[in-house]
Amino acid sequence: MKENEMIFGVRAVIEAIQAGKEIDRLYIKRDLQSELSRELLAVLKEYGIIAQRVPVERLDRITRKNHQGVIAFISAITYQRLEDIIPFLYEQGKDPFIVLLDGITDVRNFGAIARSCECAGVDAIVIPAKGSVTVNADAIKTSAGALHVLPVCKEKNINQAIRFLKDSGVTVIAATEKAADVYMDAPMEGPIALVMGAEDTGVSNDNLRSSDRIVKIPQFGTIGSLNVSVASSILIYEVVRQRMKNGSM
């Protein structure tokens, strides 16, 4: 399986964006300033694409060719919009089932989570535009192809997505060891979104506060935490269990 296609050079990147290519990651040299680069920034603003400013040394490590201070990676998939998916699900008479990933950077964990999501009938995965995994060849391989069929939404940030989901009638449940309630005691029927955080930092405090409820998975060993893909599977299938129990799956 090929890695995400790389495009470099200011004009080439502008043309790719205007041709409708899905940009997965975009790196711009930190001090890049030229008339053409200003045109690129205007295009990024028009299309709502977030770029990461980096030292030129990082760009040079990616390619030795004349990148002109700009390197973009074309996504292996087409990202979906959460604001389109939720109304569509309601129109189909379905209760949305969404999984949000807060700060997860390991692509293999991401792929494993996506595989569980697809098997369990999750409607979409949400990732933030910055500081997160993206859909690349490793993630697709680990997902056993699930990322080719499971909608993935890349939103500006997870907190904004949580607020949108709540406004849309979706109950948002975040997983954290800080919770007093164990997940088995939490009602997970109806429209549900699960928020899972990175193993080292967990779900951010802002996102915990924004969620409707926080739950924990009880642990009785000496290791600090479960692998996030395992923890995600446990909670995802708790939603499945409760839905099957009440006949909604």
Protein backbone atom coordinates (compact mmCIF):
# COMPACT_ATOMS: atom_id res chain seq x y z
CA MET A 1 0.00 0.00 0.00
CA LYS A 2 1.38 3.38 -0.97
CA GLU A 3 2.03 6.10 1.56
CA ASN A 4 0.06 9.32 1.23
CA GLU A 5 1.20 11.20 -1.86
CA MET A 6 3.64 14.04 -1.16
CA ILE A 7 3.55 17.34 -3.06
CA PHE A 8 6.13 20.07 -2.60
CA GLY A 9 6.64 23.57 -3.95
CA VAL A 10 4.34 26.53 -3.41
CA ARG A 11 2.68 26.57 -6.82
CA ALA A 12 2.22 22.78 -6.89
CA VAL A 13 0.51 22.82 -3.50
CA ILE A 14 -1.77 25.72 -4.49
CA GLU A 15 -2.81 23.87 -7.65
CA ALA A 16 -3.45 20.64 -5.73
CA ILE A 17 -5.73 22.42 -3.27
CA GLN A 18 -7.62 24.23 -6.02
CA ALA A 19 -8.01 20.92 -7.88
CA GLY A 20 -9.87 19.54 -4.88
CA LYS A 21 -7.17 17.31 -3.45
CA GLU A 22 -7.76 16.35 0.20
CA ILE A 23 -4.82 17.71 2.19
CA ASP A 24 -3.88 15.50 5.11
CA ARG A 25 -0.88 17.45 6.45
CA LEU A 26 0.73 20.68 5.31
CA TYR A 27 4.09 21.98 6.49
CA ILE A 28 5.31 25.52 5.78
CA LYS A 29 8.76 26.87 6.57
CA ARG A 30 8.50 29.03 9.66
CA ASP A 31 9.89 32.25 8.12
CA LEU A 32 8.58 31.79 4.57
CA GLN A 33 7.61 35.14 3.10
CA SER A 34 7.06 35.87 -0.57
CA GLU A 35 4.30 37.05 -2.84
CA LEU A 36 3.58 33.46 -3.87
CA SER A 37 3.53 32.28 -0.25
CA ARG A 38 0.99 35.00 0.54
CA GLU A 39 -1.14 33.61 -2.28
CA LEU A 40 -0.84 30.16 -0.68
CA LEU A 41 -1.94 31.49 2.71
CA ALA A 42 -4.98 33.11 1.08
CA VAL A 43 -5.89 29.77 -0.54
CA LEU A 44 -5.48 27.96 2.79
CA LYS A 45 -7.83 30.45 4.44
CA GLU A 46 -10.35 30.10 1.62
CA TYR A 47 -10.40 26.30 1.87
CA GLY A 48 -10.15 26.14 5.67
CA ILE A 49 -6.88 24.20 5.66
CA ILE A 50 -4.65 24.35 8.71
CA ALA A 51 -0.88 24.45 8.09
CA GLN A 52 1.90 23.75 10.54
CA ARG A 53 4.85 26.17 10.63
CA VAL A 54 8.10 24.23 11.02
CA PRO A 55 11.86 24.85 10.83
CA VAL A 56 13.41 24.34 7.40
CA GLU A 57 15.44 21.44 8.84
CA ARG A 58 12.24 19.42 9.26
CA LEU A 59 11.31 19.96 5.63
CA ASP A 60 14.81 19.00 4.53
CA ARG A 61 14.49 15.72 6.44
CA ILE A 62 11.31 14.89 4.53
CA THR A 63 12.79 15.54 1.08
CA ARG A 64 16.10 16.71 -0.35
CA LYS A 65 14.36 18.12 -3.41
CA ASN A 66 13.56 21.82 -3.88
CA HIS A 67 10.49 22.07 -1.66
CA GLN A 68 10.51 25.91 -1.63
CA GLY A 69 9.50 25.83 2.01
CA VAL A 70 6.20 23.98 1.49
CA ILE A 71 5.36 20.27 1.68
CA ALA A 72 1.87 18.79 1.60
CA PHE A 73 0.62 15.23 1.97
CA ILE A 74 -2.53 14.21 0.12
CA SER A 75 -4.91 12.16 2.23
CA ALA A 76 -5.46 8.48 1.49
CA ILE A 77 -9.19 9.05 2.11
CA THR A 78 -11.77 11.80 1.77
CA TYR A 79 -12.61 13.23 5.17
CA GLN A 80 -16.29 13.73 5.99
CA ARG A 81 -18.04 16.59 7.79
CA LEU A 82 -19.64 15.86 11.15
CA GLU A 83 -22.28 18.51 10.50
CA ASP A 84 -23.35 16.54 7.42
CA ILE A 85 -23.25 13.08 8.99
CA ILE A 86 -25.41 13.76 12.07
CA PRO A 87 -28.47 15.17 10.21
CA PHE A 88 -28.17 12.35 7.66
CA LEU A 89 -28.25 9.71 10.41
CA TYR A 90 -31.32 11.31 12.01
CA GLU A 91 -33.03 11.46 8.61
CA GLN A 92 -32.38 7.71 8.27
CA GLY A 93 -34.08 7.13 11.62
CA LYS A 94 -30.80 6.12 13.30
CA ASP A 95 -29.38 7.11 16.67
CA PRO A 96 -25.86 8.42 15.94
CA PHE A 97 -22.95 6.47 17.39
CA ILE A 98 -19.74 8.52 17.20
CA VAL A 99 -16.22 8.02 18.58
CA LEU A 100 -13.99 11.07 19.16
CA LEU A 101 -10.22 10.70 19.58
CA ASP A 102 -8.59 13.41 21.70
CA GLY A 103 -4.83 13.74 21.19
CA ILE A 104 -4.17 10.20 19.99
CA THR A 105 -1.00 10.15 17.88
CA ASP A 106 -0.16 6.45 17.48
CA VAL A 107 -1.37 5.37 14.05
CA ARG A 108 -1.51 1.69 14.98
CA ASN A 109 -3.79 2.41 17.91
CA PHE A 110 -5.87 4.55 15.57
CA GLY A 111 -6.14 1.72 13.06
CA ALA A 112 -7.10 -0.78 15.75
CA ILE A 113 -9.78 1.57 17.10
CA ALA A 114 -11.15 2.08 13.59
CA ARG A 115 -11.35 -1.68 13.11
CA SER A 116 -13.38 -2.07 16.33
CA CYS A 117 -15.59 0.86 15.33
CA GLU A 118 -16.39 -0.62 11.94
CA CYS A 119 -17.17 -4.05 13.44
CA ALA A 120 -19.45 -2.47 16.05
CA GLY A 121 -21.41 -0.28 13.66
CA VAL A 122 -19.99 3.07 14.77
CA ASP A 123 -21.15 5.78 12.36
CA ALA A 124 -18.00 7.94 12.31
CA ILE A 125 -14.68 8.66 13.98
CA VAL A 126 -13.74 12.26 14.77
CA ILE A 127 -10.13 13.50 14.95
CA PRO A 128 -8.84 17.06 15.41
CA ALA A 129 -7.04 18.91 12.63
CA LYS A 130 -3.91 19.44 14.74
CA GLY A 131 -1.95 17.30 17.19
CA SER A 132 -3.52 14.04 16.12
CA VAL A 133 -3.16 10.93 14.03
CA THR A 134 -4.16 11.10 10.39
CA VAL A 135 -5.25 8.42 7.98
CA ASN A 136 -2.06 7.07 6.44
CA ALA A 137 -0.98 3.70 5.07
CA ASP A 138 -0.04 2.28 8.50
CA ALA A 139 -3.39 3.25 9.98
CA ILE A 140 -5.29 1.76 7.04
CA LYS A 141 -3.30 -1.47 7.24
CA THR A 142 -3.85 -1.83 11.00
CA SER A 143 -7.54 -1.13 10.53
CA ALA A 144 -7.78 -4.11 8.13
CA GLY A 145 -9.28 -1.72 5.58
CA ALA A 146 -11.92 -0.30 7.95
CA LEU A 147 -10.69 3.24 7.27
CA HIS A 148 -11.69 2.83 3.64
CA VAL A 149 -15.35 2.37 4.62
CA LEU A 150 -15.76 4.07 8.01
CA PRO A 151 -16.34 7.84 7.79
CA VAL A 152 -13.59 9.91 9.42
CA CYS A 153 -14.26 13.55 10.29
CA LYS A 154 -11.35 15.93 10.75
CA GLU A 155 -12.73 18.81 12.82
CA LYS A 156 -11.07 22.06 13.90
CA ASN A 157 -10.93 20.76 17.47
CA ILE A 158 -12.58 18.10 19.60
CA ASN A 159 -14.24 20.56 21.98
CA GLN A 160 -16.06 22.24 19.12
CA ALA A 161 -17.20 18.81 17.91
CA ILE A 162 -18.45 17.92 21.40
CA ARG A 163 -20.50 21.11 21.58
CA PHE A 164 -21.99 20.45 18.15
CA LEU A 165 -22.92 16.88 19.12
CA LYS A 166 -24.57 18.02 22.36
CA ASP A 167 -26.53 20.69 20.49
CA SER A 168 -27.62 17.92 18.11
CA GLY A 169 -29.08 15.79 20.90
CA VAL A 170 -26.15 13.39 21.24
CA THR A 171 -25.06 12.34 24.75
CA VAL A 172 -21.27 12.70 25.05
CA ILE A 173 -19.46 10.32 27.41
CA ALA A 174 -15.73 10.71 28.06
CA ALA A 175 -13.46 8.01 29.44
CA THR A 176 -11.04 8.94 32.23
CA GLU A 177 -9.55 7.30 35.30
CA LYS A 178 -10.58 10.49 37.16
CA ALA A 179 -14.24 9.47 36.97
CA ALA A 180 -16.20 8.24 39.97
CA ASP A 181 -18.64 6.17 37.88
CA VAL A 182 -17.71 2.91 36.18
CA TYR A 183 -18.80 2.52 32.57
CA MET A 184 -21.19 -0.38 33.29
CA ASP A 185 -23.40 1.96 35.33
CA ALA A 186 -23.72 4.60 32.61
CA PRO A 187 -26.79 4.56 30.35
CA MET A 188 -25.51 4.40 26.76
CA GLU A 189 -28.73 4.14 24.82
CA GLY A 190 -29.96 6.61 22.23
CA PRO A 191 -27.60 8.97 20.37
CA ILE A 192 -24.13 8.45 21.88
CA ALA A 193 -20.61 9.79 21.40
CA LEU A 194 -17.57 8.38 23.20
CA VAL A 195 -14.47 10.51 23.81
CA MET A 196 -11.19 8.62 24.18
CA GLY A 197 -7.87 10.24 25.06
CA ALA A 198 -4.21 9.45 24.56
CA GLU A 199 -2.65 6.98 26.99
CA ASP A 200 -0.19 9.53 28.41
CA THR A 201 -2.40 12.61 28.70
CA GLY A 202 -5.96 11.29 28.54
CA VAL A 203 -8.96 13.40 27.56
CA SER A 204 -8.21 17.09 28.08
CA ASN A 205 -9.79 18.87 31.03
CA ASP A 206 -11.77 21.17 28.72
CA ASN A 207 -13.24 18.19 26.91
CA LEU A 208 -14.02 16.40 30.18
CA ARG A 209 -15.89 19.48 31.39
CA SER A 210 -17.79 19.75 28.12
CA SER A 211 -18.90 16.10 28.15
CA ASP A 212 -22.27 15.07 29.60
CA ARG A 213 -20.73 12.32 31.69
CA ILE A 214 -17.34 10.85 32.51
CA VAL A 215 -16.76 7.16 33.21
CA LYS A 216 -13.87 4.89 34.02
CA ILE A 217 -12.94 1.30 33.29
CA PRO A 218 -12.13 -0.38 36.63
CA GLN A 219 -8.59 -1.69 36.94
CA PHE A 220 -7.21 -4.02 39.57
CA GLY A 221 -3.62 -4.57 38.45
CA THR A 222 -0.47 -2.53 38.97
CA ILE A 223 -0.05 -1.12 35.42
CA GLY A 224 -1.25 2.45 35.11
CA SER A 225 -3.65 2.21 32.19
CA LEU A 226 -5.11 0.10 29.42
CA ASN A 227 -3.99 0.42 25.83
CA VAL A 228 -6.31 3.03 24.30
CA SER A 229 -7.46 0.73 21.51
CA VAL A 230 -8.43 -1.90 24.08
CA ALA A 231 -10.18 0.68 26.29
CA SER A 232 -12.04 2.01 23.24
CA SER A 233 -13.22 -1.47 22.31
CA ILE A 234 -14.54 -2.09 25.83
CA LEU A 235 -16.66 1.08 25.79
CA ILE A 236 -17.74 0.70 22.16
CA TYR A 237 -19.08 -2.78 22.86
CA GLU A 238 -20.80 -1.61 26.02
CA VAL A 239 -22.85 0.67 23.76
CA VAL A 240 -23.52 -2.33 21.51
CA ARG A 241 -24.53 -4.48 24.50
CA GLN A 242 -26.99 -1.90 25.79
CA ARG A 243 -28.46 -1.28 22.34
CA MET A 244 -28.90 -4.99 21.72
CA LYS A 245 -30.51 -5.41 25.14
CA ASN A 246 -33.19 -2.83 24.35
CA GLY A 247 -33.60 -4.03 20.77
CA SER A 248 -32.22 -0.92 19.04
CA MET A 249 -29.56 -2.79 17.06
